[in-house]
C-alpha atoms as a PDB file:
ATOM      1  CA  MET A   1       0.078  -0.173   0.000  1.00  0.00           C
ATOM      2  CA  LYS A   2       1.745   3.149  -1.336  1.00  0.00           C
ATOM      3  CA  GLY A   3       2.481   5.924   1.830  1.00  0.00           C
ATOM      4  CA  TRP A   4       2.446   2.674   4.387  1.00  0.00           C
ATOM      5  CA  ASN A   5       5.235   0.787   6.021  1.00  0.00           C
ATOM      6  CA  THR A   6       4.888  -2.676   5.744  1.00  0.00           C
ATOM      7  CA  LEU A   7       5.573  -5.344   8.653  1.00  0.00           C
ATOM      8  CA  THR A   8       7.443  -8.001   7.876  1.00  0.00           C
ATOM      9  CA  SER A   9       8.746  -8.910  11.193  1.00  0.00           C
ATOM     10  CA  VAL A  10       7.948  -9.101  15.038  1.00  0.00           C
ATOM     11  CA  GLN A  11      11.003  -6.733  15.035  1.00  0.00           C
ATOM     12  CA  ASP A  12       8.797  -4.348  12.620  1.00  0.00           C
ATOM     13  CA  LEU A  13       6.263  -4.495  15.347  1.00  0.00           C
ATOM     14  CA  ASN A  14       8.258  -3.467  18.204  1.00  0.00           C
ATOM     15  CA  ASP A  15       9.743  -0.773  16.422  1.00  0.00           C
ATOM     16  CA  ALA A  16       6.115   0.456  15.215  1.00  0.00           C
ATOM     17  CA  ILE A  17       4.762   0.287  18.951  1.00  0.00           C
ATOM     18  CA  SER A  18       7.816   1.842  20.171  1.00  0.00           C
ATOM     19  CA  LEU A  19       7.430   4.709  17.800  1.00  0.00           C
ATOM     20  CA  SER A  20       3.983   5.033  19.298  1.00  0.00           C
ATOM     21  CA  THR A  21       4.856   6.750  22.117  1.00  0.00           C
ATOM     22  CA  ASP A  22       5.939   9.970  20.066  1.00  0.00           C
ATOM     23  CA  LYS A  23       3.175   9.363  17.404  1.00  0.00           C
ATOM     24  CA  PRO A  24       0.382   7.276  16.767  1.00  0.00           C
ATOM     25  CA  VAL A  25       0.750   4.615  14.844  1.00  0.00           C
ATOM     26  CA  ILE A  26      -2.262   3.148  12.478  1.00  0.00           C
ATOM     27  CA  LEU A  27      -1.449  -1.080  12.153  1.00  0.00           C
ATOM     28  CA  PHE A  28      -3.797  -2.092   9.337  1.00  0.00           C
ATOM     29  CA  LYS A  29      -4.278  -6.507   9.160  1.00  0.00           C
ATOM     30  CA  HIS A  30      -5.206  -7.378   5.738  1.00  0.00           C
ATOM     31  CA  SER A  31      -6.031 -11.010   4.280  1.00  0.00           C
ATOM     32  CA  THR A  32      -4.966 -11.380   0.480  1.00  0.00           C
ATOM     33  CA  ARG A  33      -7.732 -14.241   0.691  1.00  0.00           C
ATOM     34  CA  CYS A  34     -10.990 -12.336   1.818  1.00  0.00           C
ATOM     35  CA  SER A  35     -13.274 -10.232   0.006  1.00  0.00           C
ATOM     36  CA  ILE A  36     -14.450  -8.425   3.034  1.00  0.00           C
ATOM     37  CA  SER A  37     -10.485  -7.732   3.810  1.00  0.00           C
ATOM     38  CA  THR A  38     -10.356  -6.306   0.078  1.00  0.00           C
ATOM     39  CA  MET A  39     -13.510  -3.905   0.764  1.00  0.00           C
ATOM     40  CA  ALA A  40     -11.757  -2.635   4.119  1.00  0.00           C
ATOM     41  CA  TYR A  41      -8.531  -2.545   2.252  1.00  0.00           C
ATOM     42  CA  ASN A  42      -9.708  -0.010  -0.395  1.00  0.00           C
ATOM     43  CA  ARG A  43     -11.590   2.203   2.059  1.00  0.00           C
ATOM     44  CA  VAL A  44      -8.378   2.440   3.917  1.00  0.00           C
ATOM     45  CA  GLU A  45      -6.259   2.848   0.905  1.00  0.00           C
ATOM     46  CA  LEU A  46      -8.711   5.554  -0.490  1.00  0.00           C
ATOM     47  CA  ALA A  47      -8.000   7.704   2.674  1.00  0.00           C
ATOM     48  CA  THR A  48      -4.231   6.904   2.487  1.00  0.00           C
ATOM     49  CA  ASN A  49      -3.194  10.663   2.243  1.00  0.00           C
ATOM     50  CA  GLU A  50      -5.219  11.689   5.355  1.00  0.00           C
ATOM     51  CA  LEU A  51      -4.350   8.548   7.215  1.00  0.00           C
ATOM     52  CA  THR A  52      -0.288   9.265   6.648  1.00  0.00           C
ATOM     53  CA  ASN A  53      -0.374  12.764   7.683  1.00  0.00           C
ATOM     54  CA  ALA A  54      -1.903  11.733  10.864  1.00  0.00           C
ATOM     55  CA  ALA A  55      -0.331   8.587  11.946  1.00  0.00           C
ATOM     56  CA  GLU A  56       2.609   6.436  11.047  1.00  0.00           C
ATOM     57  CA  CYS A  57       0.904   3.666   9.090  1.00  0.00           C
ATOM     58  CA  TYR A  58       1.757  -0.161   8.859  1.00  0.00           C
ATOM     59  CA  TYR A  59       0.152  -2.562   6.789  1.00  0.00           C
ATOM     60  CA  LEU A  60       0.664  -6.323   7.156  1.00  0.00           C
ATOM     61  CA  ASP A  61      -0.151  -8.914   4.732  1.00  0.00           C
ATOM     62  CA  LEU A  62      -1.305 -11.763   7.671  1.00  0.00           C
ATOM     63  CA  ILE A  63      -1.348 -14.717   5.265  1.00  0.00           C
ATOM     64  CA  GLN A  64       2.395 -14.162   4.375  1.00  0.00           C
ATOM     65  CA  PHE A  65       3.327 -13.135   8.088  1.00  0.00           C
ATOM     66  CA  ARG A  66       1.133 -15.026  10.239  1.00  0.00           C
ATOM     67  CA  ASP A  67       3.765 -14.959  13.169  1.00  0.00           C
ATOM     68  CA  VAL A  68       3.836 -11.306  12.951  1.00  0.00           C
ATOM     69  CA  SER A  69      -0.335 -11.025  13.301  1.00  0.00           C
ATOM     70  CA  GLY A  70       0.253 -13.475  16.157  1.00  0.00           C
ATOM     71  CA  ALA A  71       2.287 -11.025  17.495  1.00  0.00           C
ATOM     72  CA  ILE A  72       0.283  -8.195  17.408  1.00  0.00           C
ATOM     73  CA  ALA A  73      -2.615 -10.155  19.476  1.00  0.00           C
ATOM     74  CA  THR A  74      -0.049 -11.071  22.345  1.00  0.00           C
ATOM     75  CA  GLU A  75       1.782  -7.526  22.060  1.00  0.00           C
ATOM     76  CA  LEU A  76      -1.570  -5.075  22.316  1.00  0.00           C
ATOM     77  CA  ASN A  77      -3.918  -8.074  23.944  1.00  0.00           C
ATOM     78  CA  VAL A  78      -6.337  -7.931  21.112  1.00  0.00           C
ATOM     79  CA  HIS A  79      -8.029 -10.487  19.890  1.00  0.00           C
ATOM     80  CA  HIS A  80      -7.458 -11.299  16.222  1.00  0.00           C
ATOM     81  CA  GLU A  81      -9.705 -10.376  13.529  1.00  0.00           C
ATOM     82  CA  SER A  82      -9.290 -10.268   9.756  1.00  0.00           C
ATOM     83  CA  PRO A  83      -9.109  -7.693   8.429  1.00  0.00           C
ATOM     84  CA  GLN A  84      -8.288  -5.487  11.281  1.00  0.00           C
ATOM     85  CA  VAL A  85      -7.442  -2.102  11.886  1.00  0.00           C
ATOM     86  CA  LEU A  86      -5.806  -0.971  15.039  1.00  0.00           C
ATOM     87  CA  ILE A  87      -4.464   2.439  16.500  1.00  0.00           C
ATOM     88  CA  VAL A  88      -1.489   2.410  18.782  1.00  0.00           C
ATOM     89  CA  LYS A  89      -0.827   4.940  21.559  1.00  0.00           C
ATOM     90  CA  GLY A  90       1.668   5.059  24.124  1.00  0.00           C
ATOM     91  CA  LYS A  91       2.165   1.093  23.506  1.00  0.00           C
ATOM     92  CA  GLU A  92      -0.947   0.555  24.270  1.00  0.00           C
ATOM     93  CA  CYS A  93      -3.988  -0.295  21.646  1.00  0.00           C
ATOM     94  CA  THR A  94      -6.948   2.577  21.782  1.00  0.00           C
ATOM     95  CA  TYR A  95      -8.992   1.420  18.836  1.00  0.00           C
ATOM     96  CA  ASP A  96      -9.641  -1.662  17.284  1.00  0.00           C
ATOM     97  CA  ALA A  97     -12.272  -2.001  14.347  1.00  0.00           C
ATOM     98  CA  SER A  98     -12.817  -4.990  12.180  1.00  0.00           C
ATOM     99  CA  HIS A  99     -14.913  -6.239   9.460  1.00  0.00           C
ATOM    100  CA  ASN A 100     -17.380  -4.022   7.592  1.00  0.00           C
ATOM    101  CA  ASP A 101     -16.513  -1.465  10.707  1.00  0.00           C
ATOM    102  CA  ILE A 102     -13.004  -0.091   9.266  1.00  0.00           C
ATOM    103  CA  ARG A 103     -14.161   3.246   8.102  1.00  0.00           C
ATOM    104  CA  ALA A 104     -11.620   5.869   7.623  1.00  0.00           C
ATOM    105  CA  LYS A 105     -13.429   8.398   9.003  1.00  0.00           C
ATOM    106  CA  GLU A 106     -13.562   6.701  12.217  1.00  0.00           C
ATOM    107  CA  ILE A 107     -10.267   5.553  12.149  1.00  0.00           C
ATOM    108  CA  LEU A 108      -9.311   9.566  11.766  1.00  0.00           C
ATOM    109  CA  GLU A 109     -11.512  10.679  14.445  1.00  0.00           C
ATOM    110  CA  ASN A 110      -9.749   8.133  17.202  1.00  0.00           C
ATOM    111  CA  ILE A 111      -6.240   8.935  16.279  1.00  0.00           C
END
């Protein structure tokens, strides 16, 4: 996703969580095999400029990097969903949306 950082390792995730003490972080978990996830991807992609201006944004292909997806659930104490958007501030998840609840306007309102 253009303008987004790509999460490919648990170290990338740890770096993103650490960054959240200075700037809000958005994590977008996407399943490349799911039509609902594709719909959410399109919604998020349309708002890329607004989202990347408001926060540091990270994209995860959770099919390819399942271990990172599992680490997100563990590190942030959230239930795994796909697709899923999380906002992290101060190393804690402050917003969690999944499936059809993923809307750019609500993400921006919760940053």
